[in-house]
């Protein structure tokens, strides 16, 4: 039986919407029989050293990464992405020391050169610092799934080829998720078809934001605290399901 490794996961250092602490994470990963786990916090690598040390102490292989924000144009431009957010999402994972150093460079430059509400990189920076990095197309806020859903396959193919040129040698993956969200159910078959037709590797993730089933209520409270809302406010930020926890391989 093949093992499963979580490659898209947000810790307490994803300040707006992550609650996962490293010691309980490593204990849970060991309990689930998973040999490794990644942490991909939003926009930066604040918890990297703490995560790395905790994982080694617990006998789990740490995969160092980040979910970076990619500006819709050049990083100097102050404009929204078509998604309505300030940038597209992209997962980056270090495959070696060079990749780790490039990840640090991208994180730093995102804050010093590309900051517009959030720390952002652009494709010029990604090309300059892509060595040693594996990238995945991220959630529905990633550029490829968003483009596929709004502009169609022809334009999505163009975007896919651009990312494949930035991360050559099968270092770019199309990512599928099923957190019980209807839009994911509709998008996944299209992403799978795109992967098969283009020979692009495919990876399944779960976009973990809290550790256990049932922790979604704690995350809701955190979101309210971060955004200055109350639980009873119908306009508050909320996730669309209760499935953003660290699932087992079977799940």
Protein backbone atom coordinates (compact mmCIF):
# COMPACT_ATOMS: atom_id res chain seq x y z
CA UNK A 1 0.00 0.00 0.00
CA UNK A 2 1.36 3.40 -0.94
CA UNK A 3 1.81 5.96 1.81
CA UNK A 4 0.32 9.44 1.77
CA UNK A 5 2.11 12.63 2.76
CA UNK A 6 0.46 15.98 3.41
CA UNK A 7 2.10 18.59 1.16
CA UNK A 8 -0.25 21.57 1.70
CA UNK A 9 -0.56 22.47 5.36
CA UNK A 10 -0.91 25.68 7.37
CA UNK A 11 0.45 26.00 10.90
CA UNK A 12 -0.26 28.58 13.59
CA UNK A 13 2.21 30.79 11.71
CA UNK A 14 -0.38 31.25 8.94
CA UNK A 15 -1.68 33.91 11.26
CA UNK A 16 -5.10 34.53 9.78
CA UNK A 17 -6.42 31.00 9.36
CA UNK A 18 -4.04 28.31 10.64
CA UNK A 19 -4.16 26.67 14.09
CA UNK A 20 -1.81 23.67 13.77
CA UNK A 21 0.98 23.48 16.35
CA UNK A 22 4.09 21.50 15.48
CA UNK A 23 4.43 19.03 18.38
CA UNK A 24 0.82 17.76 18.07
CA UNK A 25 1.21 17.71 14.27
CA UNK A 26 4.26 15.47 14.39
CA UNK A 27 2.57 13.18 16.92
CA UNK A 28 -0.49 12.90 14.68
CA UNK A 29 1.58 12.26 11.55
CA UNK A 30 3.42 9.45 13.36
CA UNK A 31 0.10 8.02 14.56
CA UNK A 32 -1.15 7.99 10.96
CA UNK A 33 2.00 6.19 9.80
CA UNK A 34 3.12 8.96 7.47
CA UNK A 35 6.89 9.19 6.87
CA UNK A 36 6.98 12.93 6.18
CA UNK A 37 4.95 16.13 6.28
CA UNK A 38 5.23 19.58 4.71
CA UNK A 39 4.41 22.96 6.21
CA UNK A 40 3.39 25.61 3.67
CA UNK A 41 2.43 28.72 5.56
CA UNK A 42 0.98 31.75 3.80
CA UNK A 43 3.50 34.22 2.44
CA UNK A 44 6.49 33.32 4.58
CA UNK A 45 8.61 30.85 6.55
CA UNK A 46 8.29 32.13 10.10
CA UNK A 47 7.92 28.68 11.67
CA UNK A 48 10.43 26.80 9.53
CA UNK A 49 13.19 26.24 12.09
CA UNK A 50 10.77 25.26 14.86
CA UNK A 51 8.97 22.84 12.52
CA UNK A 52 12.24 21.33 11.26
CA UNK A 53 13.56 20.68 14.75
CA UNK A 54 10.26 19.26 16.01
CA UNK A 55 9.95 16.93 13.02
CA UNK A 56 13.49 15.56 13.39
CA UNK A 57 12.94 15.06 17.12
CA UNK A 58 9.78 13.09 16.32
CA UNK A 59 11.36 10.97 13.59
CA UNK A 60 9.33 12.50 10.74
CA UNK A 61 10.96 13.87 7.58
CA UNK A 62 10.28 17.63 7.38
CA UNK A 63 9.45 19.08 3.95
CA UNK A 64 10.09 22.82 3.97
CA UNK A 65 7.81 25.01 1.90
CA UNK A 66 5.50 27.98 1.66
CA UNK A 67 2.30 29.03 -0.04
CA UNK A 68 3.45 32.14 -1.83
CA UNK A 69 1.32 34.90 -3.30
CA UNK A 70 1.99 35.54 -7.00
CA UNK A 71 1.21 39.05 -8.24
CA UNK A 72 -1.07 39.20 -11.31
CA UNK A 73 1.56 41.30 -13.10
CA UNK A 74 4.84 42.72 -11.94
CA UNK A 75 5.45 42.77 -8.23
CA UNK A 76 5.75 46.58 -8.24
CA UNK A 77 2.19 46.99 -9.54
CA UNK A 78 -0.46 47.63 -6.90
CA UNK A 79 -3.50 45.85 -8.28
CA UNK A 80 -5.82 42.98 -7.51
CA UNK A 81 -5.76 39.59 -9.17
CA UNK A 82 -8.89 38.65 -11.16
CA UNK A 83 -9.79 36.31 -8.27
CA UNK A 84 -10.60 39.40 -6.18
CA UNK A 85 -7.63 38.63 -3.93
CA UNK A 86 -4.35 40.53 -3.94
CA UNK A 87 -2.52 37.70 -5.69
CA UNK A 88 -2.77 34.11 -6.90
CA UNK A 89 -1.71 31.22 -4.64
CA UNK A 90 1.20 28.86 -5.41
CA UNK A 91 2.77 26.08 -3.31
CA UNK A 92 6.59 25.86 -3.27
CA UNK A 93 8.50 22.94 -1.70
CA UNK A 94 12.28 22.74 -1.25
CA UNK A 95 13.79 19.55 -2.67
CA UNK A 96 17.35 20.35 -1.52
CA UNK A 97 19.47 23.02 0.16
CA UNK A 98 19.53 25.17 -2.97
CA UNK A 99 15.74 25.14 -3.02
CA UNK A 100 15.61 26.06 0.66
CA UNK A 101 17.91 29.03 0.06
CA UNK A 102 15.81 30.14 -2.91
CA UNK A 103 12.68 29.83 -0.80
CA UNK A 104 14.24 32.16 1.76
CA UNK A 105 15.15 34.62 -1.01
CA UNK A 106 11.61 34.57 -2.42
CA UNK A 107 10.08 35.05 1.01
CA UNK A 108 12.35 38.01 1.75
CA UNK A 109 11.84 39.68 -1.64
CA UNK A 110 8.08 39.17 -1.38
CA UNK A 111 8.12 41.33 1.74
CA UNK A 112 10.64 43.95 0.59
CA UNK A 113 9.80 44.35 -3.11
CA UNK A 114 6.34 42.94 -3.71
CA UNK A 115 4.29 43.78 -0.64
CA UNK A 116 0.77 44.96 -1.41
CA UNK A 117 -1.48 44.02 1.51
CA UNK A 118 0.33 40.67 1.36
CA UNK A 119 3.93 39.69 0.54
CA UNK A 120 3.97 38.89 -3.19
CA UNK A 121 6.42 37.49 -5.70
CA UNK A 122 6.08 37.68 -9.46
CA UNK A 123 7.11 35.32 -12.26
CA UNK A 124 10.38 37.14 -12.81
CA UNK A 125 11.40 36.35 -9.23
CA UNK A 126 10.14 32.77 -9.57
CA UNK A 127 12.33 32.25 -12.65
CA UNK A 128 15.34 33.76 -10.91
CA UNK A 129 14.95 31.57 -7.82
CA UNK A 130 13.32 28.36 -9.10
CA UNK A 131 16.30 26.02 -8.80
CA UNK A 132 15.75 23.28 -6.25
CA UNK A 133 12.05 24.04 -5.87
CA UNK A 134 8.99 21.96 -6.68
CA UNK A 135 5.78 23.91 -7.33
CA UNK A 136 2.12 22.91 -7.28
CA UNK A 137 -0.87 24.81 -8.63
CA UNK A 138 -2.41 25.23 -5.15
CA UNK A 139 -6.10 25.69 -4.30
CA UNK A 140 -8.95 27.21 -6.30
CA UNK A 141 -7.20 30.57 -5.82
CA UNK A 142 -4.24 29.31 -7.86
CA UNK A 143 -3.79 30.88 -11.27
CA UNK A 144 -4.35 27.70 -13.29
CA UNK A 145 -7.59 26.47 -11.67
CA UNK A 146 -8.95 30.01 -11.60
CA UNK A 147 -8.10 30.57 -15.27
CA UNK A 148 -9.51 27.17 -16.23
CA UNK A 149 -12.79 28.05 -14.55
CA UNK A 150 -13.10 31.59 -15.93
CA UNK A 151 -11.27 31.78 -19.26
CA UNK A 152 -11.32 28.17 -20.41
CA UNK A 153 -8.82 25.49 -21.35
CA UNK A 154 -6.92 27.34 -24.08
CA UNK A 155 -5.85 30.16 -21.76
CA UNK A 156 -5.27 27.73 -18.86
CA UNK A 157 -2.90 25.74 -21.11
CA UNK A 158 -0.89 28.90 -21.75
CA UNK A 159 -0.58 29.58 -18.04
CA UNK A 160 0.33 25.93 -17.36
CA UNK A 161 3.11 26.01 -19.95
CA UNK A 162 4.47 29.21 -18.42
CA UNK A 163 4.75 27.57 -15.00
CA UNK A 164 6.24 24.42 -16.52
CA UNK A 165 8.91 26.56 -18.15
CA UNK A 166 9.70 28.18 -14.78
CA UNK A 167 9.90 24.76 -13.06
CA UNK A 168 11.16 22.37 -15.78
CA UNK A 169 11.97 18.70 -15.41
CA UNK A 170 8.63 17.63 -13.93
CA UNK A 171 9.00 20.08 -11.03
CA UNK A 172 5.55 21.58 -11.58
CA UNK A 173 2.46 19.65 -10.45
CA UNK A 174 -1.23 20.20 -10.95
CA UNK A 175 -2.88 19.93 -7.53
CA UNK A 176 -6.32 18.53 -6.73
CA UNK A 177 -8.17 18.81 -3.42
CA UNK A 178 -11.46 17.54 -1.98
CA UNK A 179 -12.44 19.36 1.19
CA UNK A 180 -16.14 18.89 0.51
CA UNK A 181 -16.44 22.09 -1.53
CA UNK A 182 -18.68 21.92 -4.63
CA UNK A 183 -16.31 24.05 -6.73
CA UNK A 184 -13.51 21.54 -6.05
CA UNK A 185 -15.74 18.66 -7.15
CA UNK A 186 -16.38 20.47 -10.42
CA UNK A 187 -12.77 21.52 -10.97
CA UNK A 188 -10.92 18.28 -10.14
CA UNK A 189 -11.96 16.30 -13.26
CA UNK A 190 -10.88 19.22 -15.43
CA UNK A 191 -7.48 19.41 -13.72
CA UNK A 192 -7.03 15.64 -14.02
CA UNK A 193 -7.85 15.82 -17.73
CA UNK A 194 -5.43 18.73 -18.17
CA UNK A 195 -2.69 16.75 -16.41
CA UNK A 196 -3.24 13.67 -18.57
CA UNK A 197 -3.35 15.59 -21.85
CA UNK A 198 -0.19 17.57 -21.14
CA UNK A 199 1.81 14.93 -19.26
CA UNK A 200 1.92 17.16 -16.18
CA UNK A 201 2.41 15.32 -12.86
CA UNK A 202 -0.63 15.33 -10.57
CA UNK A 203 -0.71 15.52 -6.77
CA UNK A 204 -3.57 15.22 -4.25
CA UNK A 205 -3.53 17.40 -1.13
CA UNK A 206 -5.97 18.41 1.60
CA UNK A 207 -5.17 22.08 2.36
CA UNK A 208 -4.93 21.44 6.12
CA UNK A 209 -5.68 24.39 8.41
CA UNK A 210 -6.38 22.60 11.71
CA UNK A 211 -5.25 19.29 13.16
CA UNK A 212 -8.32 17.19 13.99
CA UNK A 213 -11.85 16.65 12.80
CA UNK A 214 -14.03 19.00 14.87
CA UNK A 215 -11.38 21.71 15.23
CA UNK A 216 -13.19 23.84 12.64
CA UNK A 217 -15.06 25.61 15.46
CA UNK A 218 -11.77 26.73 16.99
CA UNK A 219 -10.67 28.01 13.61
CA UNK A 220 -13.90 29.98 13.23
CA UNK A 221 -13.20 31.72 16.54
CA UNK A 222 -9.64 32.49 15.44
CA UNK A 223 -10.89 33.98 12.18
CA UNK A 224 -13.29 36.20 14.10
CA UNK A 225 -10.52 37.41 16.41
CA UNK A 226 -8.22 38.13 13.47
CA UNK A 227 -10.85 39.97 11.41
CA UNK A 228 -12.66 41.81 14.21
CA UNK A 229 -15.96 39.98 13.67
CA UNK A 230 -18.30 38.00 15.91
CA UNK A 231 -19.54 34.44 15.41
CA UNK A 232 -23.06 35.76 14.84
CA UNK A 233 -21.98 38.14 12.05
CA UNK A 234 -23.28 36.79 8.71
CA UNK A 235 -20.59 38.74 6.85
CA UNK A 236 -17.66 37.17 8.70
CA UNK A 237 -14.97 35.20 6.88
CA UNK A 238 -15.62 31.47 7.03
CA UNK A 239 -14.51 28.25 5.36
CA UNK A 240 -17.01 26.36 3.23
CA UNK A 241 -16.66 22.99 4.98
CA UNK A 242 -15.32 21.25 8.09
CA UNK A 243 -12.85 19.10 6.15
CA UNK A 244 -9.62 21.14 6.44
CA UNK A 245 -8.00 18.82 9.00
CA UNK A 246 -5.05 16.41 8.81
CA UNK A 247 -6.78 13.40 7.30
CA UNK A 248 -5.64 9.81 7.25
CA UNK A 249 -4.46 8.13 4.05
CA UNK A 250 -7.85 6.44 3.58
CA UNK A 251 -9.72 9.71 4.06
